Amino acid sequence: MDDEYREREISGMTVGIDRTLCIGSGNCTNLAPEVFVIDQENIVDFQDETPDIDAGRLEEATAICPVDALILTDENGEQIVP
């Protein structure tokens, strides 16, 4: 897995993390702690196991990132966030 960009399919959507942009605000972890975690480097990462969650909550958790480090695309590859 690339240290700078990580991607995972969750709830039928693809979530990407650009770790070069992350500032560790933790907003995403507050809204979706079962998906996101702040690691030892103070950068967001995926939990080891990421269950499907409500699509609206997943969209909100990615959209709240203040530096657009989280990318959300739908099942057709259309970018939703940012």
C-alpha atoms as a PDB file:
ATOM      1  CA  MET A   1       0.000   0.000   0.000  1.00  0.00           C
ATOM      2  CA  ASP A   2       1.289   3.444  -0.967  1.00  0.00           C
ATOM      3  CA  ASP A   3       2.269   5.577   2.019  1.00  0.00           C
ATOM      4  CA  GLU A   4       0.961   8.766   0.401  1.00  0.00           C
ATOM      5  CA  TYR A   5      -2.376   7.637  -1.083  1.00  0.00           C
ATOM      6  CA  ARG A   6      -4.734   4.983   0.181  1.00  0.00           C
ATOM      7  CA  GLU A   7      -8.047   3.845  -1.226  1.00  0.00           C
ATOM      8  CA  ARG A   8     -10.838   1.576  -0.073  1.00  0.00           C
ATOM      9  CA  GLU A   9     -14.353   0.669  -1.188  1.00  0.00           C
ATOM     10  CA  ILE A  10     -16.933   1.401   1.488  1.00  0.00           C
ATOM     11  CA  SER A  11     -20.723   1.352   1.118  1.00  0.00           C
ATOM     12  CA  GLY A  12     -20.435   0.992  -2.661  1.00  0.00           C
ATOM     13  CA  MET A  13     -18.284   4.103  -2.964  1.00  0.00           C
ATOM     14  CA  THR A  14     -14.530   4.565  -3.189  1.00  0.00           C
ATOM     15  CA  VAL A  15     -12.821   6.574  -0.465  1.00  0.00           C
ATOM     16  CA  GLY A  16      -9.326   7.886  -1.078  1.00  0.00           C
ATOM     17  CA  ILE A  17      -6.946   9.410   1.446  1.00  0.00           C
ATOM     18  CA  ASP A  18      -4.220  11.759   0.230  1.00  0.00           C
ATOM     19  CA  ARG A  19      -1.900  11.549   3.217  1.00  0.00           C
ATOM     20  CA  THR A  20       0.340  14.319   1.839  1.00  0.00           C
ATOM     21  CA  LEU A  21      -2.500  16.812   2.396  1.00  0.00           C
ATOM     22  CA  CYS A  22      -3.806  15.584   5.767  1.00  0.00           C
ATOM     23  CA  ILE A  23      -3.223  17.880   8.736  1.00  0.00           C
ATOM     24  CA  GLY A  24      -4.694  15.494  11.320  1.00  0.00           C
ATOM     25  CA  SER A  25      -7.692  17.639  12.276  1.00  0.00           C
ATOM     26  CA  GLY A  26      -9.652  14.519  13.213  1.00  0.00           C
ATOM     27  CA  ASN A  27     -12.974  15.817  11.883  1.00  0.00           C
ATOM     28  CA  CYS A  28     -13.457  12.668   9.804  1.00  0.00           C
ATOM     29  CA  THR A  29     -12.710  10.413  12.764  1.00  0.00           C
ATOM     30  CA  ASN A  30     -15.313  12.250  14.851  1.00  0.00           C
ATOM     31  CA  LEU A  31     -18.016  11.631  12.242  1.00  0.00           C
ATOM     32  CA  ALA A  32     -17.026   8.113  11.153  1.00  0.00           C
ATOM     33  CA  PRO A  33     -14.765   6.505  13.780  1.00  0.00           C
ATOM     34  CA  GLU A  34     -15.498   3.032  12.433  1.00  0.00           C
ATOM     35  CA  VAL A  35     -13.901   4.042   9.109  1.00  0.00           C
ATOM     36  CA  PHE A  36     -11.139   6.540   9.941  1.00  0.00           C
ATOM     37  CA  VAL A  37      -8.397   6.695  12.550  1.00  0.00           C
ATOM     38  CA  ILE A  38      -5.557   9.127  13.217  1.00  0.00           C
ATOM     39  CA  ASP A  39      -2.321   7.121  13.174  1.00  0.00           C
ATOM     40  CA  GLN A  40       0.986   7.529  15.022  1.00  0.00           C
ATOM     41  CA  GLU A  41       2.103  10.130  12.460  1.00  0.00           C
ATOM     42  CA  ASN A  42      -0.999  12.236  13.243  1.00  0.00           C
ATOM     43  CA  ILE A  43      -2.364  11.506   9.755  1.00  0.00           C
ATOM     44  CA  VAL A  44      -5.691   9.943   8.862  1.00  0.00           C
ATOM     45  CA  ASP A  45      -5.798   6.299   7.847  1.00  0.00           C
ATOM     46  CA  PHE A  46      -8.451   3.620   7.486  1.00  0.00           C
ATOM     47  CA  GLN A  47      -9.381   1.399  10.390  1.00  0.00           C
ATOM     48  CA  ASP A  48      -8.156  -2.177   9.856  1.00  0.00           C
ATOM     49  CA  GLU A  49     -11.750  -3.258   9.229  1.00  0.00           C
ATOM     50  CA  THR A  50     -14.089  -0.742   7.575  1.00  0.00           C
ATOM     51  CA  PRO A  51     -17.761  -1.703   7.655  1.00  0.00           C
ATOM     52  CA  ASP A  52     -20.335  -0.242   5.302  1.00  0.00           C
ATOM     53  CA  ILE A  53     -21.948   2.836   6.840  1.00  0.00           C
ATOM     54  CA  ASP A  54     -24.733   5.195   5.815  1.00  0.00           C
ATOM     55  CA  ALA A  55     -23.711   6.817   2.521  1.00  0.00           C
ATOM     56  CA  GLY A  56     -24.780  10.273   3.731  1.00  0.00           C
ATOM     57  CA  ARG A  57     -22.606  10.012   6.822  1.00  0.00           C
ATOM     58  CA  LEU A  58     -19.662   8.794   4.743  1.00  0.00           C
ATOM     59  CA  GLU A  59     -20.095  11.758   2.400  1.00  0.00           C
ATOM     60  CA  GLU A  60     -20.297  14.163   5.350  1.00  0.00           C
ATOM     61  CA  ALA A  61     -17.197  12.636   6.991  1.00  0.00           C
ATOM     62  CA  THR A  62     -15.158  13.083   3.816  1.00  0.00           C
ATOM     63  CA  ALA A  63     -16.547  16.528   2.982  1.00  0.00           C
ATOM     64  CA  ILE A  64     -15.699  17.951   6.429  1.00  0.00           C
ATOM     65  CA  CYS A  65     -11.951  17.647   5.781  1.00  0.00           C
ATOM     66  CA  PRO A  66     -10.567  21.217   5.885  1.00  0.00           C
ATOM     67  CA  VAL A  67      -7.784  20.465   3.362  1.00  0.00           C
ATOM     68  CA  ASP A  68      -9.627  18.141   0.939  1.00  0.00           C
ATOM     69  CA  ALA A  69      -7.409  15.181   1.796  1.00  0.00           C
ATOM     70  CA  LEU A  70     -10.372  12.812   1.445  1.00  0.00           C
ATOM     71  CA  ILE A  71     -11.760  11.954  -1.972  1.00  0.00           C
ATOM     72  CA  LEU A  72     -15.118  10.219  -2.441  1.00  0.00           C
ATOM     73  CA  THR A  73     -16.304   8.764  -5.730  1.00  0.00           C
ATOM     74  CA  ASP A  74     -19.530   6.936  -6.454  1.00  0.00           C
ATOM     75  CA  GLU A  75     -19.957   3.513  -8.052  1.00  0.00           C
ATOM     76  CA  ASN A  76     -19.759   5.117 -11.532  1.00  0.00           C
ATOM     77  CA  GLY A  77     -16.433   6.818 -10.784  1.00  0.00           C
ATOM     78  CA  GLU A  78     -18.013  10.263 -10.455  1.00  0.00           C
ATOM     79  CA  GLN A  79     -16.209  12.357  -7.827  1.00  0.00           C
ATOM     80  CA  ILE A  80     -18.561  13.512  -5.055  1.00  0.00           C
ATOM     81  CA  VAL A  81     -16.051  15.018  -2.609  1.00  0.00           C
ATOM     82  CA  PRO A  82     -14.320  17.412  -2.831  1.00  0.00           C
END
